[in-house]
Each structure stands twice: as C-alpha cells, then as structure tokens.
Amino acid sequence: MSKRSPRKLDAIVHEICHDLGMDEAYEQHRTIKAWPEVVGESIARVSKVRHCKDGVLYVRISNPSWRNELHFQKRSVIDKLNKFIGKELVRDIVFQ
C-alpha cells in the first residue's frame, strides 16, 4: 500500500473540473474569487462580481462615483486580474 502525500483542495477541485470538462467554469470561479484581492479592500466594499461569461466580468458597483472611477481604471484592473490568475481570461469588464 503506497502512501500519498497531502494535496491542496484547490488542486483536487481543479483536477476534478478538468476531468469533467469544466475548465472554463473553474477559471471563471477563480477570477470571481480573486476580485477582492486584486482590486483591494476599498473597491471590494463597494463592488460585487455578479458573473463571468465569455471573457466578460459583470460587476455591480453600489456607488456611482466608484463606477465612474473604475471605468477609467478598467484596462489596469483587467491586466491585474489576468496576471493574478495566470492567463488571459478576462477581456472586458461591465460595471453595472
């Protein structure tokens, strides 16, 4: 009987999603989960990622001033998200 070394749960979930052909859904989930860390606490407080579909991230913003500010920072946020997740998954962000 061979003994396996412990693995991170994230690695196991990724493997299962891959085996089930759900790679895109897994990557979308990682992107949504990364939002608060990428944008920081102050933006995370006034925003909530609704969903990610076909490379577009839909984000609800509770404050019109922040929505305007984030519109100007969109390209930078997209670049940071893609760098954080390690692939070019997000092509656009729609602030609602």
C-alpha atoms as a PDB file:
ATOM      1  CA  MET A   1       0.000   0.000   0.000  1.00  0.00           C
ATOM      2  CA  SER A   2       1.569   3.281  -1.075  1.00  0.00           C
ATOM      3  CA  LYS A   3       1.097   6.441   0.897  1.00  0.00           C
ATOM      4  CA  ARG A   4       0.126   9.628  -0.950  1.00  0.00           C
ATOM      5  CA  SER A   5       1.374  12.993   0.108  1.00  0.00           C
ATOM      6  CA  PRO A   6      -1.277  15.556   1.050  1.00  0.00           C
ATOM      7  CA  ARG A   7      -2.572  17.804  -1.729  1.00  0.00           C
ATOM      8  CA  LYS A   8      -4.260  21.160  -1.598  1.00  0.00           C
ATOM      9  CA  LEU A   9      -8.013  21.049  -2.007  1.00  0.00           C
ATOM     10  CA  ASP A  10      -7.796  23.618  -4.810  1.00  0.00           C
ATOM     11  CA  ALA A  11      -5.574  21.256  -6.810  1.00  0.00           C
ATOM     12  CA  ILE A  12      -8.034  18.409  -6.325  1.00  0.00           C
ATOM     13  CA  VAL A  13     -11.007  20.557  -7.374  1.00  0.00           C
ATOM     14  CA  HIS A  14      -9.085  21.753 -10.435  1.00  0.00           C
ATOM     15  CA  GLU A  15      -8.306  18.153 -11.402  1.00  0.00           C
ATOM     16  CA  ILE A  16     -11.942  17.098 -10.978  1.00  0.00           C
ATOM     17  CA  CYS A  17     -13.197  20.065 -13.029  1.00  0.00           C
ATOM     18  CA  HIS A  18     -10.670  19.230 -15.744  1.00  0.00           C
ATOM     19  CA  ASP A  19     -11.769  15.587 -15.801  1.00  0.00           C
ATOM     20  CA  LEU A  20     -15.406  16.708 -16.126  1.00  0.00           C
ATOM     21  CA  GLY A  21     -14.607  19.168 -18.936  1.00  0.00           C
ATOM     22  CA  MET A  22     -15.353  22.161 -16.733  1.00  0.00           C
ATOM     23  CA  ASP A  23     -12.050  24.020 -17.107  1.00  0.00           C
ATOM     24  CA  GLU A  24     -13.709  27.274 -18.170  1.00  0.00           C
ATOM     25  CA  ALA A  25     -16.158  27.249 -15.243  1.00  0.00           C
ATOM     26  CA  TYR A  26     -13.277  26.605 -12.841  1.00  0.00           C
ATOM     27  CA  GLU A  27     -11.263  29.509 -14.260  1.00  0.00           C
ATOM     28  CA  GLN A  28     -14.283  31.804 -14.074  1.00  0.00           C
ATOM     29  CA  HIS A  29     -14.757  30.868 -10.423  1.00  0.00           C
ATOM     30  CA  ARG A  30     -11.075  31.612  -9.721  1.00  0.00           C
ATOM     31  CA  THR A  31     -11.474  35.021 -11.356  1.00  0.00           C
ATOM     32  CA  ILE A  32     -14.542  35.906  -9.279  1.00  0.00           C
ATOM     33  CA  LYS A  33     -12.809  34.716  -6.116  1.00  0.00           C
ATOM     34  CA  ALA A  34      -9.703  36.815  -6.938  1.00  0.00           C
ATOM     35  CA  TRP A  35     -11.637  40.091  -7.323  1.00  0.00           C
ATOM     36  CA  PRO A  36     -11.296  41.406  -3.718  1.00  0.00           C
ATOM     37  CA  GLU A  37      -7.589  40.635  -3.541  1.00  0.00           C
ATOM     38  CA  VAL A  38      -6.848  42.199  -6.929  1.00  0.00           C
ATOM     39  CA  VAL A  39      -8.861  45.414  -6.519  1.00  0.00           C
ATOM     40  CA  GLY A  40      -8.248  45.957  -2.814  1.00  0.00           C
ATOM     41  CA  GLU A  41     -10.438  46.411   0.221  1.00  0.00           C
ATOM     42  CA  SER A  42     -11.968  49.816  -0.579  1.00  0.00           C
ATOM     43  CA  ILE A  43     -13.170  48.800  -4.053  1.00  0.00           C
ATOM     44  CA  ALA A  44     -14.237  45.351  -2.857  1.00  0.00           C
ATOM     45  CA  ARG A  45     -16.519  47.031  -0.293  1.00  0.00           C
ATOM     46  CA  VAL A  46     -18.491  48.848  -2.997  1.00  0.00           C
ATOM     47  CA  SER A  47     -18.487  46.117  -5.640  1.00  0.00           C
ATOM     48  CA  LYS A  48     -19.685  42.581  -6.180  1.00  0.00           C
ATOM     49  CA  VAL A  49     -18.862  40.346  -9.105  1.00  0.00           C
ATOM     50  CA  ARG A  50     -22.131  39.015 -10.493  1.00  0.00           C
ATOM     51  CA  HIS A  51     -20.731  36.526 -13.003  1.00  0.00           C
ATOM     52  CA  CYS A  52     -18.167  35.915 -15.704  1.00  0.00           C
ATOM     53  CA  LYS A  53     -19.167  34.766 -19.174  1.00  0.00           C
ATOM     54  CA  ASP A  54     -17.265  34.557 -22.451  1.00  0.00           C
ATOM     55  CA  GLY A  55     -14.373  36.650 -21.131  1.00  0.00           C
ATOM     56  CA  VAL A  56     -16.613  39.392 -19.735  1.00  0.00           C
ATOM     57  CA  LEU A  57     -16.761  40.048 -15.999  1.00  0.00           C
ATOM     58  CA  TYR A  58     -20.019  41.640 -14.787  1.00  0.00           C
ATOM     59  CA  VAL A  59     -19.553  43.702 -11.637  1.00  0.00           C
ATOM     60  CA  ARG A  60     -22.261  45.507  -9.657  1.00  0.00           C
ATOM     61  CA  ILE A  61     -20.995  48.807  -8.209  1.00  0.00           C
ATOM     62  CA  SER A  62     -23.033  50.351  -5.377  1.00  0.00           C
ATOM     63  CA  ASN A  63     -21.615  53.861  -5.731  1.00  0.00           C
ATOM     64  CA  PRO A  64     -21.847  55.928  -8.966  1.00  0.00           C
ATOM     65  CA  SER A  65     -18.572  57.724  -8.202  1.00  0.00           C
ATOM     66  CA  TRP A  66     -16.738  54.424  -7.897  1.00  0.00           C
ATOM     67  CA  ARG A  67     -18.408  53.136 -11.081  1.00  0.00           C
ATOM     68  CA  ASN A  68     -17.034  56.157 -12.950  1.00  0.00           C
ATOM     69  CA  GLU A  69     -13.572  55.765 -11.404  1.00  0.00           C
ATOM     70  CA  LEU A  70     -13.432  52.049 -12.209  1.00  0.00           C
ATOM     71  CA  HIS A  71     -14.478  52.721 -15.777  1.00  0.00           C
ATOM     72  CA  PHE A  72     -11.274  54.760 -16.182  1.00  0.00           C
ATOM     73  CA  GLN A  73      -9.208  52.029 -14.475  1.00  0.00           C
ATOM     74  CA  LYS A  74     -10.790  49.154 -16.418  1.00  0.00           C
ATOM     75  CA  ARG A  75      -7.740  48.219 -18.520  1.00  0.00           C
ATOM     76  CA  SER A  76      -5.492  48.184 -15.467  1.00  0.00           C
ATOM     77  CA  VAL A  77      -7.943  46.024 -13.491  1.00  0.00           C
ATOM     78  CA  ILE A  78      -8.261  43.572 -16.405  1.00  0.00           C
ATOM     79  CA  ASP A  79      -4.462  43.299 -16.648  1.00  0.00           C
ATOM     80  CA  LYS A  80      -4.120  42.743 -12.891  1.00  0.00           C
ATOM     81  CA  LEU A  81      -6.836  40.071 -12.852  1.00  0.00           C
ATOM     82  CA  ASN A  82      -5.317  38.185 -15.769  1.00  0.00           C
ATOM     83  CA  LYS A  83      -1.864  38.366 -14.229  1.00  0.00           C
ATOM     84  CA  PHE A  84      -3.214  37.140 -10.874  1.00  0.00           C
ATOM     85  CA  ILE A  85      -4.985  34.124 -12.388  1.00  0.00           C
ATOM     86  CA  GLY A  86      -2.101  33.425 -14.765  1.00  0.00           C
ATOM     87  CA  LYS A  87      -3.929  33.546 -18.074  1.00  0.00           C
ATOM     88  CA  GLU A  88      -5.769  35.931 -20.389  1.00  0.00           C
ATOM     89  CA  LEU A  89      -9.299  35.046 -19.298  1.00  0.00           C
ATOM     90  CA  VAL A  90     -10.892  38.486 -18.808  1.00  0.00           C
ATOM     91  CA  ARG A  91     -11.262  40.555 -21.989  1.00  0.00           C
ATOM     92  CA  ASP A  92     -13.712  43.142 -20.658  1.00  0.00           C
ATOM     93  CA  ILE A  93     -15.492  44.273 -17.509  1.00  0.00           C
ATOM     94  CA  VAL A  94     -19.029  45.628 -17.434  1.00  0.00           C
ATOM     95  CA  PHE A  95     -19.667  47.827 -14.418  1.00  0.00           C
ATOM     96  CA  GLN A  96     -23.369  47.913 -13.537  1.00  0.00           C
END
